[in-house]
PDB file of N, CA and C in Angstrom:
ATOM      1  N   MET A   1       0.836  -1.180   0.000  1.00  0.00           N
ATOM      2  CA  MET A   1       0.000   0.000   0.000  1.00  0.00           C
ATOM      3  C   MET A   1       0.883   1.246   0.000  1.00  0.00           C
ATOM      4  N   SER A   2       0.555   2.234  -0.800  1.00  0.00           N
ATOM      5  CA  SER A   2       1.337   3.470  -0.834  1.00  0.00           C
ATOM      6  C   SER A   2       1.008   4.332   0.383  1.00  0.00           C
ATOM      7  N   ASP A   3       1.763   5.424   0.548  1.00  0.00           N
ATOM      8  CA  ASP A   3       1.544   6.299   1.699  1.00  0.00           C
ATOM      9  C   ASP A   3       0.153   6.922   1.695  1.00  0.00           C
ATOM     10  N   ASN A   4      -0.369   7.225   0.521  1.00  0.00           N
ATOM     11  CA  ASN A   4      -1.658   7.905   0.435  1.00  0.00           C
ATOM     12  C   ASN A   4      -2.842   6.953   0.482  1.00  0.00           C
ATOM     13  N   ALA A   5      -2.603   5.667   0.253  1.00  0.00           N
ATOM     14  CA  ALA A   5      -3.707   4.705   0.259  1.00  0.00           C
ATOM     15  C   ALA A   5      -4.157   4.464   1.696  1.00  0.00           C
ATOM     16  N   LYS A   6      -5.450   4.364   1.856  1.00  0.00           N
ATOM     17  CA  LYS A   6      -6.007   4.137   3.186  1.00  0.00           C
ATOM     18  C   LYS A   6      -6.898   2.912   3.140  1.00  0.00           C
ATOM     19  N   ALA A   7      -6.973   2.227   4.265  1.00  0.00           N
ATOM     20  CA  ALA A   7      -7.849   1.066   4.384  1.00  0.00           C
ATOM     21  C   ALA A   7      -8.970   1.420   5.355  1.00  0.00           C
ATOM     22  N   LYS A   8     -10.147   0.986   5.028  1.00  0.00           N
ATOM     23  CA  LYS A   8     -11.291   1.241   5.892  1.00  0.00           C
ATOM     24  C   LYS A   8     -11.349   0.139   6.941  1.00  0.00           C
ATOM     25  N   VAL A   9     -11.380   0.535   8.210  1.00  0.00           N
ATOM     26  CA  VAL A   9     -11.423  -0.430   9.311  1.00  0.00           C
ATOM     27  C   VAL A   9     -12.526  -0.029  10.278  1.00  0.00           C
ATOM     28  N   GLY A  10     -13.035  -0.998  10.975  1.00  0.00           N
ATOM     29  CA  GLY A  10     -14.036  -0.741  12.002  1.00  0.00           C
ATOM     30  C   GLY A  10     -13.376  -0.766  13.365  1.00  0.00           C
ATOM     31  N   ILE A  11     -13.634   0.235  14.163  1.00  0.00           N
ATOM     32  CA  ILE A  11     -13.040   0.315  15.498  1.00  0.00           C
ATOM     33  C   ILE A  11     -14.168   0.523  16.494  1.00  0.00           C
ATOM     34  N   HIS A  12     -14.120  -0.232  17.573  1.00  0.00           N
ATOM     35  CA  HIS A  12     -15.111  -0.078  18.634  1.00  0.00           C
ATOM     36  C   HIS A  12     -14.555   0.882  19.671  1.00  0.00           C
ATOM     37  N   MET A  13     -15.304   1.966  19.900  1.00  0.00           N
ATOM     38  CA  MET A  13     -14.888   2.961  20.887  1.00  0.00           C
ATOM     39  C   MET A  13     -16.091   3.337  21.729  1.00  0.00           C
ATOM     40  N   LYS A  14     -15.814   3.807  22.935  1.00  0.00           N
ATOM     41  CA  LYS A  14     -16.880   4.248  23.832  1.00  0.00           C
ATOM     42  C   LYS A  14     -17.527   5.506  23.248  1.00  0.00           C
ATOM     43  N   PRO A  15     -18.828   5.666  23.444  1.00  0.00           N
ATOM     44  CA  PRO A  15     -19.525   6.839  22.887  1.00  0.00           C
ATOM     45  C   PRO A  15     -18.953   8.177  23.358  1.00  0.00           C
ATOM     46  N   ASP A  16     -18.534   8.245  24.625  1.00  0.00           N
ATOM     47  CA  ASP A  16     -17.982   9.515  25.104  1.00  0.00           C
ATOM     48  C   ASP A  16     -16.634   9.824  24.452  1.00  0.00           C
ATOM     49  N   LEU A  17     -15.867   8.796  24.095  1.00  0.00           N
ATOM     50  CA  LEU A  17     -14.608   9.001  23.387  1.00  0.00           C
ATOM     51  C   LEU A  17     -14.869   9.501  21.967  1.00  0.00           C
ATOM     52  N   ILE A  18     -15.867   8.939  21.315  1.00  0.00           N
ATOM     53  CA  ILE A  18     -16.242   9.394  19.971  1.00  0.00           C
ATOM     54  C   ILE A  18     -16.711  10.851  20.020  1.00  0.00           C
ATOM     55  N   ALA A  19     -17.509  11.169  21.036  1.00  0.00           N
ATOM     56  CA  ALA A  19     -17.979  12.551  21.180  1.00  0.00           C
ATOM     57  C   ALA A  19     -16.805  13.503  21.406  1.00  0.00           C
ATOM     58  N   GLY A  20     -15.821  13.066  22.186  1.00  0.00           N
ATOM     59  CA  GLY A  20     -14.633  13.887  22.414  1.00  0.00           C
ATOM     60  C   GLY A  20     -13.843  14.114  21.138  1.00  0.00           C
ATOM     61  N   VAL A  21     -13.679  13.048  20.338  1.00  0.00           N
ATOM     62  CA  VAL A  21     -12.962  13.167  19.065  1.00  0.00           C
ATOM     63  C   VAL A  21     -13.715  14.110  18.139  1.00  0.00           C
ATOM     64  N   ASP A  22     -15.033  13.951  18.061  1.00  0.00           N
ATOM     65  CA  ASP A  22     -15.841  14.811  17.189  1.00  0.00           C
ATOM     66  C   ASP A  22     -15.766  16.279  17.615  1.00  0.00           C
ATOM     67  N   ALA A  23     -15.632  16.519  18.918  1.00  0.00           N
ATOM     68  CA  ALA A  23     -15.542  17.897  19.402  1.00  0.00           C
ATOM     69  C   ALA A  23     -14.156  18.493  19.165  1.00  0.00           C
ATOM     70  N   GLU A  24     -13.123  17.658  19.197  1.00  0.00           N
ATOM     71  CA  GLU A  24     -11.749  18.158  19.143  1.00  0.00           C
ATOM     72  C   GLU A  24     -11.176  18.309  17.739  1.00  0.00           C
ATOM     73  N   TYR A  25     -11.506  17.416  16.818  1.00  0.00           N
ATOM     74  CA  TYR A  25     -10.782  17.436  15.536  1.00  0.00           C
ATOM     75  C   TYR A  25     -10.950  18.732  14.741  1.00  0.00           C
ATOM     76  N   PRO A  26     -12.091  19.414  14.788  1.00  0.00           N
ATOM     77  CA  PRO A  26     -12.152  20.689  14.054  1.00  0.00           C
ATOM     78  C   PRO A  26     -11.265  21.776  14.679  1.00  0.00           C
ATOM     79  N   LEU A  27     -11.037  21.680  15.979  1.00  0.00           N
ATOM     80  CA  LEU A  27     -10.230  22.689  16.662  1.00  0.00           C
ATOM     81  C   LEU A  27      -8.770  22.647  16.230  1.00  0.00           C
ATOM     82  N   TYR A  28      -8.315  21.499  15.750  1.00  0.00           N
ATOM     83  CA  TYR A  28      -6.911  21.332  15.368  1.00  0.00           C
ATOM     84  C   TYR A  28      -6.740  21.235  13.857  1.00  0.00           C
ATOM     85  N   ASP A  29      -7.720  21.715  13.122  1.00  0.00           N
ATOM     86  CA  ASP A  29      -7.668  21.796  11.654  1.00  0.00           C
ATOM     87  C   ASP A  29      -7.504  20.446  10.974  1.00  0.00           C
ATOM     88  N   TYR A  30      -8.101  19.424  11.530  1.00  0.00           N
ATOM     89  CA  TYR A  30      -8.130  18.130  10.844  1.00  0.00           C
ATOM     90  C   TYR A  30      -9.404  18.075  10.009  1.00  0.00           C
ATOM     91  N   PRO A  31      -9.316  17.547   8.791  1.00  0.00           N
ATOM     92  CA  PRO A  31     -10.485  17.556   7.911  1.00  0.00           C
ATOM     93  C   PRO A  31     -11.567  16.562   8.322  1.00  0.00           C
ATOM     94  N   SER A  32     -11.186  15.522   9.070  1.00  0.00           N
ATOM     95  CA  SER A  32     -12.179  14.505   9.420  1.00  0.00           C
ATOM     96  C   SER A  32     -11.787  13.810  10.716  1.00  0.00           C
ATOM     97  N   ARG A  33     -12.726  13.058  11.236  1.00  0.00           N
ATOM     98  CA  ARG A  33     -12.484  12.241  12.415  1.00  0.00           C
ATOM     99  C   ARG A  33     -11.380  11.230  12.133  1.00  0.00           C
ATOM    100  N   SER A  34     -11.397  10.635  10.943  1.00  0.00           N
ATOM    101  CA  SER A  34     -10.393   9.631  10.577  1.00  0.00           C
ATOM    102  C   SER A  34      -8.985  10.220  10.590  1.00  0.00           C
ATOM    103  N   ALA A  35      -8.832  11.425  10.056  1.00  0.00           N
ATOM    104  CA  ALA A  35      -7.512  12.059  10.032  1.00  0.00           C
ATOM    105  C   ALA A  35      -7.015  12.335  11.450  1.00  0.00           C
ATOM    106  N   PHE A  36      -7.922  12.763  12.320  1.00  0.00           N
ATOM    107  CA  PHE A  36      -7.560  13.047  13.708  1.00  0.00           C
ATOM    108  C   PHE A  36      -7.141  11.779  14.433  1.00  0.00           C
ATOM    109  N   VAL A  37      -7.931  10.719  14.286  1.00  0.00           N
ATOM    110  CA  VAL A  37      -7.614   9.445  14.939  1.00  0.00           C
ATOM    111  C   VAL A  37      -6.309   8.881  14.376  1.00  0.00           C
ATOM    112  N   GLY A  38      -6.090   9.021  13.065  1.00  0.00           N
ATOM    113  CA  GLY A  38      -4.845   8.553  12.460  1.00  0.00           C
ATOM    114  C   GLY A  38      -3.635   9.285  13.018  1.00  0.00           C
ATOM    115  N   ALA A  39      -3.737  10.607  13.152  1.00  0.00           N
ATOM    116  CA  ALA A  39      -2.627  11.393  13.703  1.00  0.00           C
ATOM    117  C   ALA A  39      -2.382  11.032  15.167  1.00  0.00           C
ATOM    118  N   ALA A  40      -3.456  10.828  15.913  1.00  0.00           N
ATOM    119  CA  ALA A  40      -3.307  10.440  17.317  1.00  0.00           C
ATOM    120  C   ALA A  40      -2.651   9.068  17.435  1.00  0.00           C
ATOM    121  N   THR A  41      -3.001   8.161  16.534  1.00  0.00           N
ATOM    122  CA  THR A  41      -2.403   6.827  16.542  1.00  0.00           C
ATOM    123  C   THR A  41      -0.921   6.907  16.208  1.00  0.00           C
ATOM    124  N   GLU A  42      -0.561   7.721  15.209  1.00  0.00           N
ATOM    125  CA  GLU A  42       0.857   7.890  14.865  1.00  0.00           C
ATOM    126  C   GLU A  42       1.633   8.483  16.035  1.00  0.00           C
ATOM    127  N   LEU A  43       1.046   9.443  16.723  1.00  0.00           N
ATOM    128  CA  LEU A  43       1.688  10.039  17.889  1.00  0.00           C
ATOM    129  C   LEU A  43       1.912   8.983  18.966  1.00  0.00           C
ATOM    130  N   TYR A  44       0.908   8.167  19.204  1.00  0.00           N
ATOM    131  CA  TYR A  44       1.022   7.141  20.238  1.00  0.00           C
ATOM    132  C   TYR A  44       2.048   6.083  19.852  1.00  0.00           C
ATOM    133  N   PHE A  45       2.103   5.696  18.579  1.00  0.00           N
ATOM    134  CA  PHE A  45       3.129   4.753  18.121  1.00  0.00           C
ATOM    135  C   PHE A  45       4.522   5.333  18.340  1.00  0.00           C
ATOM    136  N   GLY A  46       4.698   6.575  18.005  1.00  0.00           N
ATOM    137  CA  GLY A  46       5.990   7.218  18.229  1.00  0.00           C
ATOM    138  C   GLY A  46       6.370   7.215  19.696  1.00  0.00           C
ATOM    139  N   TYR A  47       5.387   7.453  20.539  1.00  0.00           N
ATOM    140  CA  TYR A  47       5.607   7.433  21.981  1.00  0.00           C
ATOM    141  C   TYR A  47       5.994   6.031  22.442  1.00  0.00           C
ATOM    142  N   LEU A  48       5.306   5.009  21.944  1.00  0.00           N
ATOM    143  CA  LEU A  48       5.587   3.633  22.358  1.00  0.00           C
ATOM    144  C   LEU A  48       6.942   3.140  21.874  1.00  0.00           C
ATOM    145  N   HIS A  49       7.332   3.535  20.672  1.00  0.00           N
ATOM    146  CA  HIS A  49       8.549   3.002  20.074  1.00  0.00           C
ATOM    147  C   HIS A  49       9.797   3.816  20.389  1.00  0.00           C
ATOM    148  N   SER A  50       9.645   4.920  21.067  1.00  0.00           N
ATOM    149  CA  SER A  50      10.835   5.703  21.402  1.00  0.00           C
ATOM    150  C   SER A  50      11.575   5.017  22.542  1.00  0.00           C
ATOM    151  N   GLN A  51      12.883   5.224  22.583  1.00  0.00           N
ATOM    152  CA  GLN A  51      13.716   4.595  23.612  1.00  0.00           C
ATOM    153  C   GLN A  51      13.321   5.112  24.995  1.00  0.00           C
ATOM    154  N   SER A  52      13.070   6.380  25.054  1.00  0.00           N
ATOM    155  CA  SER A  52      12.714   6.992  26.325  1.00  0.00           C
ATOM    156  C   SER A  52      11.487   7.867  26.099  1.00  0.00           C
ATOM    157  N   ASP A  53      10.580   7.829  27.032  1.00  0.00           N
ATOM    158  CA  ASP A  53       9.371   8.646  26.909  1.00  0.00           C
ATOM    159  C   ASP A  53       9.724  10.127  26.813  1.00  0.00           C
ATOM    160  N   THR A  54      10.709  10.553  27.593  1.00  0.00           N
ATOM    161  CA  THR A  54      11.062  11.971  27.590  1.00  0.00           C
ATOM    162  C   THR A  54      11.671  12.386  26.262  1.00  0.00           C
ATOM    163  N   ASP A  55      12.413  11.480  25.596  1.00  0.00           N
ATOM    164  CA  ASP A  55      12.980  11.821  24.291  1.00  0.00           C
ATOM    165  C   ASP A  55      11.874  12.136  23.293  1.00  0.00           C
ATOM    166  N   TYR A  56      10.856  11.297  23.248  1.00  0.00           N
ATOM    167  CA  TYR A  56       9.782  11.516  22.276  1.00  0.00           C
ATOM    168  C   TYR A  56       8.984  12.764  22.617  1.00  0.00           C
ATOM    169  N   MET A  57       8.660  12.935  23.880  1.00  0.00           N
ATOM    170  CA  MET A  57       7.877  14.101  24.260  1.00  0.00           C
ATOM    171  C   MET A  57       8.681  15.379  24.041  1.00  0.00           C
ATOM    172  N   ASN A  58       9.996  15.325  24.263  1.00  0.00           N
ATOM    173  CA  ASN A  58      10.820  16.505  24.003  1.00  0.00           C
ATOM    174  C   ASN A  58      10.803  16.863  22.524  1.00  0.00           C
ATOM    175  N   LYS A  59      10.869  15.857  21.634  1.00  0.00           N
ATOM    176  CA  LYS A  59      10.815  16.128  20.196  1.00  0.00           C
ATOM    177  C   LYS A  59       9.467  16.731  19.815  1.00  0.00           C
ATOM    178  N   THR A  60       8.410  16.171  20.378  1.00  0.00           N
ATOM    179  CA  THR A  60       7.068  16.667  20.085  1.00  0.00           C
ATOM    180  C   THR A  60       6.906  18.099  20.596  1.00  0.00           C
ATOM    181  N   THR A  61       7.361  18.332  21.807  1.00  0.00           N
ATOM    182  CA  THR A  61       7.275  19.669  22.386  1.00  0.00           C
ATOM    183  C   THR A  61       8.121  20.655  21.590  1.00  0.00           C
ATOM    184  N   LEU A  62       9.310  20.234  21.189  1.00  0.00           N
ATOM    185  CA  LEU A  62      10.184  21.098  20.400  1.00  0.00           C
ATOM    186  C   LEU A  62       9.532  21.474  19.069  1.00  0.00           C
ATOM    187  N   ALA A  63       8.926  20.502  18.405  1.00  0.00           N
ATOM    188  CA  ALA A  63       8.258  20.793  17.132  1.00  0.00           C
ATOM    189  C   ALA A  63       7.122  21.793  17.339  1.00  0.00           C
ATOM    190  N   PHE A  64       6.357  21.609  18.412  1.00  0.00           N
ATOM    191  CA  PHE A  64       5.260  22.526  18.714  1.00  0.00           C
ATOM    192  C   PHE A  64       5.795  23.936  18.981  1.00  0.00           C
ATOM    193  N   LEU A  65       6.837  24.022  19.805  1.00  0.00           N
ATOM    194  CA  LEU A  65       7.388  25.335  20.141  1.00  0.00           C
ATOM    195  C   LEU A  65       8.003  26.024  18.932  1.00  0.00           C
ATOM    196  N   GLU A  66       8.675  25.261  18.066  1.00  0.00           N
ATOM    197  CA  GLU A  66       9.231  25.858  16.849  1.00  0.00           C
ATOM    198  C   GLU A  66       8.127  26.440  15.979  1.00  0.00           C
ATOM    199  N   ASN A  67       7.017  25.730  15.879  1.00  0.00           N
ATOM    200  CA  ASN A  67       5.881  26.224  15.105  1.00  0.00           C
ATOM    201  C   ASN A  67       5.332  27.513  15.717  1.00  0.00           C
ATOM    202  N   GLN A  68       5.201  27.535  17.033  1.00  0.00           N
ATOM    203  CA  GLN A  68       4.666  28.722  17.695  1.00  0.00           C
ATOM    204  C   GLN A  68       5.608  29.916  17.547  1.00  0.00           C
ATOM    205  N   VAL A  69       6.920  29.677  17.667  1.00  0.00           N
ATOM    206  CA  VAL A  69       7.894  30.761  17.519  1.00  0.00           C
ATOM    207  C   VAL A  69       7.878  31.304  16.096  1.00  0.00           C
ATOM    208  N   THR A  70       7.745  30.418  15.112  1.00  0.00           N
ATOM    209  CA  THR A  70       7.678  30.857  13.717  1.00  0.00           C
ATOM    210  C   THR A  70       6.453  31.741  13.494  1.00  0.00           C
ATOM    211  N   ARG A  71       5.323  31.333  14.048  1.00  0.00           N
ATOM    212  CA  ARG A  71       4.108  32.136  13.902  1.00  0.00           C
ATOM    213  C   ARG A  71       4.258  33.487  14.608  1.00  0.00           C
ATOM    214  N   LEU A  72       4.862  33.469  15.807  1.00  0.00           N
ATOM    215  CA  LEU A  72       5.070  34.710  16.545  1.00  0.00           C
ATOM    216  C   LEU A  72       6.028  35.628  15.795  1.00  0.00           C
ATOM    217  N   ASP A  73       7.074  35.048  15.214  1.00  0.00           N
ATOM    218  CA  ASP A  73       8.037  35.825  14.434  1.00  0.00           C
ATOM    219  C   ASP A  73       7.348  36.533  13.273  1.00  0.00           C
ATOM    220  N   ALA A  74       6.472  35.820  12.594  1.00  0.00           N
ATOM    221  CA  ALA A  74       5.747  36.424  11.469  1.00  0.00           C
ATOM    222  C   ALA A  74       4.861  37.573  11.954  1.00  0.00           C
ATOM    223  N   LYS A  75       4.210  37.387  13.097  1.00  0.00           N
ATOM    224  CA  LYS A  75       3.358  38.452  13.635  1.00  0.00           C
ATOM    225  C   LYS A  75       4.184  39.678  14.016  1.00  0.00           C
ATOM    226  N   VAL A  76       5.323  39.445  14.666  1.00  0.00           N
ATOM    227  CA  VAL A  76       6.178  40.562  15.076  1.00  0.00           C
ATOM    228  C   VAL A  76       6.695  41.310  13.853  1.00  0.00           C
ATOM    229  N   CYS A  77       7.097  40.577  12.821  1.00  0.00           N
ATOM    230  CA  CYS A  77       7.588  41.227  11.599  1.00  0.00           C
ATOM    231  C   CYS A  77       6.504  42.084  10.958  1.00  0.00           C
ATOM    232  N   ARG A  78       5.278  41.572  10.899  1.00  0.00           N
ATOM    233  CA  ARG A  78       4.182  42.365  10.327  1.00  0.00           C
ATOM    234  C   ARG A  78       3.936  43.630  11.145  1.00  0.00           C
ATOM    235  N   GLN A  79       3.969  43.505  12.478  1.00  0.00           N
ATOM    236  CA  GLN A  79       3.725  44.669  13.327  1.00  0.00           C
ATOM    237  C   GLN A  79       4.853  45.694  13.208  1.00  0.00           C
ATOM    238  N   LEU A  80       6.105  45.224  13.115  1.00  0.00           N
ATOM    239  CA  LEU A  80       7.220  46.152  12.938  1.00  0.00           C
ATOM    240  C   LEU A  80       7.124  46.883  11.605  1.00  0.00           C
ATOM    241  N   PHE A  81       6.744  46.182  10.561  1.00  0.00           N
ATOM    242  CA  PHE A  81       6.577  46.825   9.260  1.00  0.00           C
ATOM    243  C   PHE A  81       5.478  47.880   9.329  1.00  0.00           C
ATOM    244  N   ARG A  82       4.356  47.531   9.952  1.00  0.00           N
ATOM    245  CA  ARG A  82       3.249  48.475  10.097  1.00  0.00           C
ATOM    246  C   ARG A  82       3.702  49.703  10.882  1.00  0.00           C
ATOM    247  N   LEU A  83       4.464  49.488  11.950  1.00  0.00           N
ATOM    248  CA  LEU A  83       4.964  50.590  12.762  1.00  0.00           C
ATOM    249  C   LEU A  83       5.898  51.495  11.961  1.00  0.00           C
ATOM    250  N   CYS A  84       6.769  50.903  11.156  1.00  0.00           N
ATOM    251  CA  CYS A  84       7.682  51.698  10.316  1.00  0.00           C
ATOM    252  C   CYS A  84       6.913  52.534   9.302  1.00  0.00           C
ATOM    253  N   VAL A  85       5.894  51.961   8.698  1.00  0.00           N
ATOM    254  CA  VAL A  85       5.091  52.700   7.721  1.00  0.00           C
ATOM    255  C   VAL A  85       4.373  53.857   8.404  1.00  0.00           C
ATOM    256  N   GLU A  86       3.796  53.614   9.573  1.00  0.00           N
ATOM    257  CA  GLU A  86       3.093  54.683  10.279  1.00  0.00           C
ATOM    258  C   GLU A  86       4.054  55.781  10.724  1.00  0.00           C
ATOM    259  N   LEU A  87       5.249  55.408  11.193  1.00  0.00           N
ATOM    260  CA  LEU A  87       6.238  56.401  11.594  1.00  0.00           C
ATOM    261  C   LEU A  87       6.684  57.243  10.405  1.00  0.00           C
ATOM    262  N   SER A  88       6.850  56.614   9.269  1.00  0.00           N
ATOM    263  CA  SER A  88       7.213  57.343   8.055  1.00  0.00           C
ATOM    264  C   SER A  88       6.105  58.319   7.663  1.00  0.00           C
ATOM    265  N   MET A  89       4.857  57.881   7.778  1.00  0.00           N
ATOM    266  CA  MET A  89       3.730  58.766   7.453  1.00  0.00           C
ATOM    267  C   MET A  89       3.704  59.968   8.396  1.00  0.00           C
ATOM    268  N   VAL A  90       3.937  59.741   9.684  1.00  0.00           N
ATOM    269  CA  VAL A  90       3.953  60.841  10.652  1.00  0.00           C
ATOM    270  C   VAL A  90       5.076  61.817  10.318  1.00  0.00           C
ATOM    271  N   ALA A  91       6.246  61.304   9.954  1.00  0.00           N
ATOM    272  CA  ALA A  91       7.370  62.176   9.599  1.00  0.00           C
ATOM    273  C   ALA A  91       7.042  63.021   8.375  1.00  0.00           C
ATOM    274  N   HIS A  92       6.412  62.426   7.379  1.00  0.00           N
ATOM    275  CA  HIS A  92       6.060  63.173   6.167  1.00  0.00           C
ATOM    276  C   HIS A  92       4.981  64.217   6.444  1.00  0.00           C
ATOM    277  N   VAL A  93       3.987  63.866   7.236  1.00  0.00           N
ATOM    278  CA  VAL A  93       2.927  64.824   7.565  1.00  0.00           C
ATOM    279  C   VAL A  93       3.510  65.976   8.377  1.00  0.00           C
ATOM    280  N   THR A  94       4.379  65.663   9.328  1.00  0.00           N
ATOM    281  CA  THR A  94       5.004  66.711  10.139  1.00  0.00           C
ATOM    282  C   THR A  94       5.855  67.628   9.273  1.00  0.00           C
ATOM    283  N   ALA A  95       6.646  67.049   8.390  1.00  0.00           N
ATOM    284  CA  ALA A  95       7.499  67.852   7.510  1.00  0.00           C
ATOM    285  C   ALA A  95       6.665  68.717   6.570  1.00  0.00           C
ATOM    286  N   ALA A  96       5.520  68.234   6.163  1.00  0.00           N
ATOM    287  CA  ALA A  96       4.677  68.991   5.241  1.00  0.00           C
ATOM    288  C   ALA A  96       3.960  70.141   5.940  1.00  0.00           C
ATOM    289  N   THR A  97       3.734  70.044   7.239  1.00  0.00           N
ATOM    290  CA  THR A  97       2.980  71.082   7.945  1.00  0.00           C
ATOM    291  C   THR A  97       3.865  72.137   8.583  1.00  0.00           C
ATOM    292  N   VAL A  98       5.154  71.865   8.764  1.00  0.00           N
ATOM    293  CA  VAL A  98       6.060  72.850   9.365  1.00  0.00           C
ATOM    294  C   VAL A  98       6.567  73.772   8.255  1.00  0.00           C
ATOM    295  N   PRO A  99       6.391  75.094   8.414  1.00  0.00           N
ATOM    296  CA  PRO A  99       6.854  76.019   7.368  1.00  0.00           C
ATOM    297  C   PRO A  99       8.379  76.017   7.260  1.00  0.00           C
ATOM    298  N   GLY A 100       8.868  76.185   6.048  1.00  0.00           N
ATOM    299  CA  GLY A 100      10.304  76.155   5.791  1.00  0.00           C
ATOM    300  C   GLY A 100      11.055  77.278   6.480  1.00  0.00           C
ATOM    301  N   ASN A 101      10.462  78.504   6.526  1.00  0.00           N
ATOM    302  CA  ASN A 101      11.160  79.628   7.151  1.00  0.00           C
ATOM    303  C   ASN A 101      11.325  79.417   8.661  1.00  0.00           C
ATOM    304  N   TRP A 102      10.386  78.712   9.291  1.00  0.00           N
ATOM    305  CA  TRP A 102      10.517  78.406  10.715  1.00  0.00           C
ATOM    306  C   TRP A 102      11.709  77.480  10.936  1.00  0.00           C
ATOM    307  N   LEU A 103      11.871  76.473  10.056  1.00  0.00           N
ATOM    308  CA  LEU A 103      13.006  75.556  10.168  1.00  0.00           C
ATOM    309  C   LEU A 103      14.325  76.292   9.965  1.00  0.00           C
ATOM    310  N   ASP A 104      14.358  77.226   8.999  1.00  0.00           N
ATOM    311  CA  ASP A 104      15.584  78.000   8.766  1.00  0.00           C
ATOM    312  C   ASP A 104      15.934  78.837   9.994  1.00  0.00           C
ATOM    313  N   GLY A 105      14.926  79.429  10.614  1.00  0.00           N
ATOM    314  CA  GLY A 105      15.155  80.222  11.827  1.00  0.00           C
ATOM    315  C   GLY A 105      15.696  79.361  12.962  1.00  0.00           C
ATOM    316  N   GLN A 106      15.140  78.194  13.132  1.00  0.00           N
ATOM    317  CA  GLN A 106      15.622  77.280  14.174  1.00  0.00           C
ATOM    318  C   GLN A 106      17.069  76.882  13.907  1.00  0.00           C
ATOM    319  N   ARG A 107      17.377  76.603  12.646  1.00  0.00           N
ATOM    320  CA  ARG A 107      18.728  76.193  12.272  1.00  0.00           C
ATOM    321  C   ARG A 107      19.717  77.339  12.537  1.00  0.00           C
ATOM    322  N   ASP A 108      19.330  78.559  12.185  1.00  0.00           N
ATOM    323  CA  ASP A 108      20.207  79.719  12.405  1.00  0.00           C
ATOM    324  C   ASP A 108      20.470  79.935  13.893  1.00  0.00           C
ATOM    325  N   ARG A 109      19.423  79.839  14.712  1.00  0.00           N
ATOM    326  CA  ARG A 109      19.592  80.010  16.157  1.00  0.00           C
ATOM    327  C   ARG A 109      20.520  78.956  16.743  1.00  0.00           C
ATOM    328  N   THR A 110      20.384  77.725  16.274  1.00  0.00           N
ATOM    329  CA  THR A 110      21.240  76.642  16.763  1.00  0.00           C
ATOM    330  C   THR A 110      22.687  76.888  16.371  1.00  0.00           C
ATOM    331  N   GLU A 111      22.914  77.339  15.144  1.00  0.00           N
ATOM    332  CA  GLU A 111      24.279  77.619  14.684  1.00  0.00           C
ATOM    333  C   GLU A 111      24.877  78.790  15.450  1.00  0.00           C
ATOM    334  N   ASN A 112      24.067  79.811  15.761  1.00  0.00           N
ATOM    335  CA  ASN A 112      24.557  80.973  16.512  1.00  0.00           C
ATOM    336  C   ASN A 112      24.958  80.576  17.927  1.00  0.00           C
ATOM    337  N   ARG A 113      24.176  79.724  18.573  1.00  0.00           N
ATOM    338  CA  ARG A 113      24.503  79.262  19.925  1.00  0.00           C
ATOM    339  C   ARG A 113      25.776  78.433  19.922  1.00  0.00           C
ATOM    340  N   ALA A 114      25.902  77.557  18.928  1.00  0.00           N
ATOM    341  CA  ALA A 114      27.093  76.712  18.847  1.00  0.00           C
ATOM    342  C   ALA A 114      28.330  77.561  18.585  1.00  0.00           C
ATOM    343  N   GLY A 115      28.198  78.605  17.779  1.00  0.00           N
ATOM    344  CA  GLY A 115      29.336  79.475  17.464  1.00  0.00           C
ATOM    345  C   GLY A 115      29.754  80.337  18.642  1.00  0.00           C
ATOM    346  N   SER A 116      28.796  80.776  19.478  1.00  0.00           N
ATOM    347  CA  SER A 116      29.118  81.662  20.595  1.00  0.00           C
ATOM    348  C   SER A 116      29.713  80.899  21.776  1.00  0.00           C
ATOM    349  N   THR A 117      29.403  79.614  21.920  1.00  0.00           N
ATOM    350  CA  THR A 117      29.941  78.840  23.041  1.00  0.00           C
ATOM    351  C   THR A 117      31.261  78.185  22.698  1.00  0.00           C
ATOM    352  N   GLY A 118      31.602  78.064  21.419  1.00  0.00           N
ATOM    353  CA  GLY A 118      32.788  77.332  20.990  1.00  0.00           C
ATOM    354  C   GLY A 118      33.934  78.199  20.903  1.00  0.00           C
TER     355      GLY A 118
END
């Protein structure tokens, strides 16, 4: 059987377990109950076949944390870009509203103070 081929099997489960699976699988973006149960089974097999329980759980936790950090990184980058654009807009609006002769006067006063103290 290839990786994509699936076999239909009958599994006996308690009704409350089925209800739990039905409630949980949409929350984790699984397309169906079968996909959720398959992923849970693969996780459990990995747990059973690992040399040490902590080794497997550490790998699983690490993968989860890497995913979360990647998502957070993307959010931070978007917010920093938005902040830079807004700061640039504020600088342009400020520069457009301040009269040029006022800036020249400020510059002259600053140069006069620097020249008299030096």
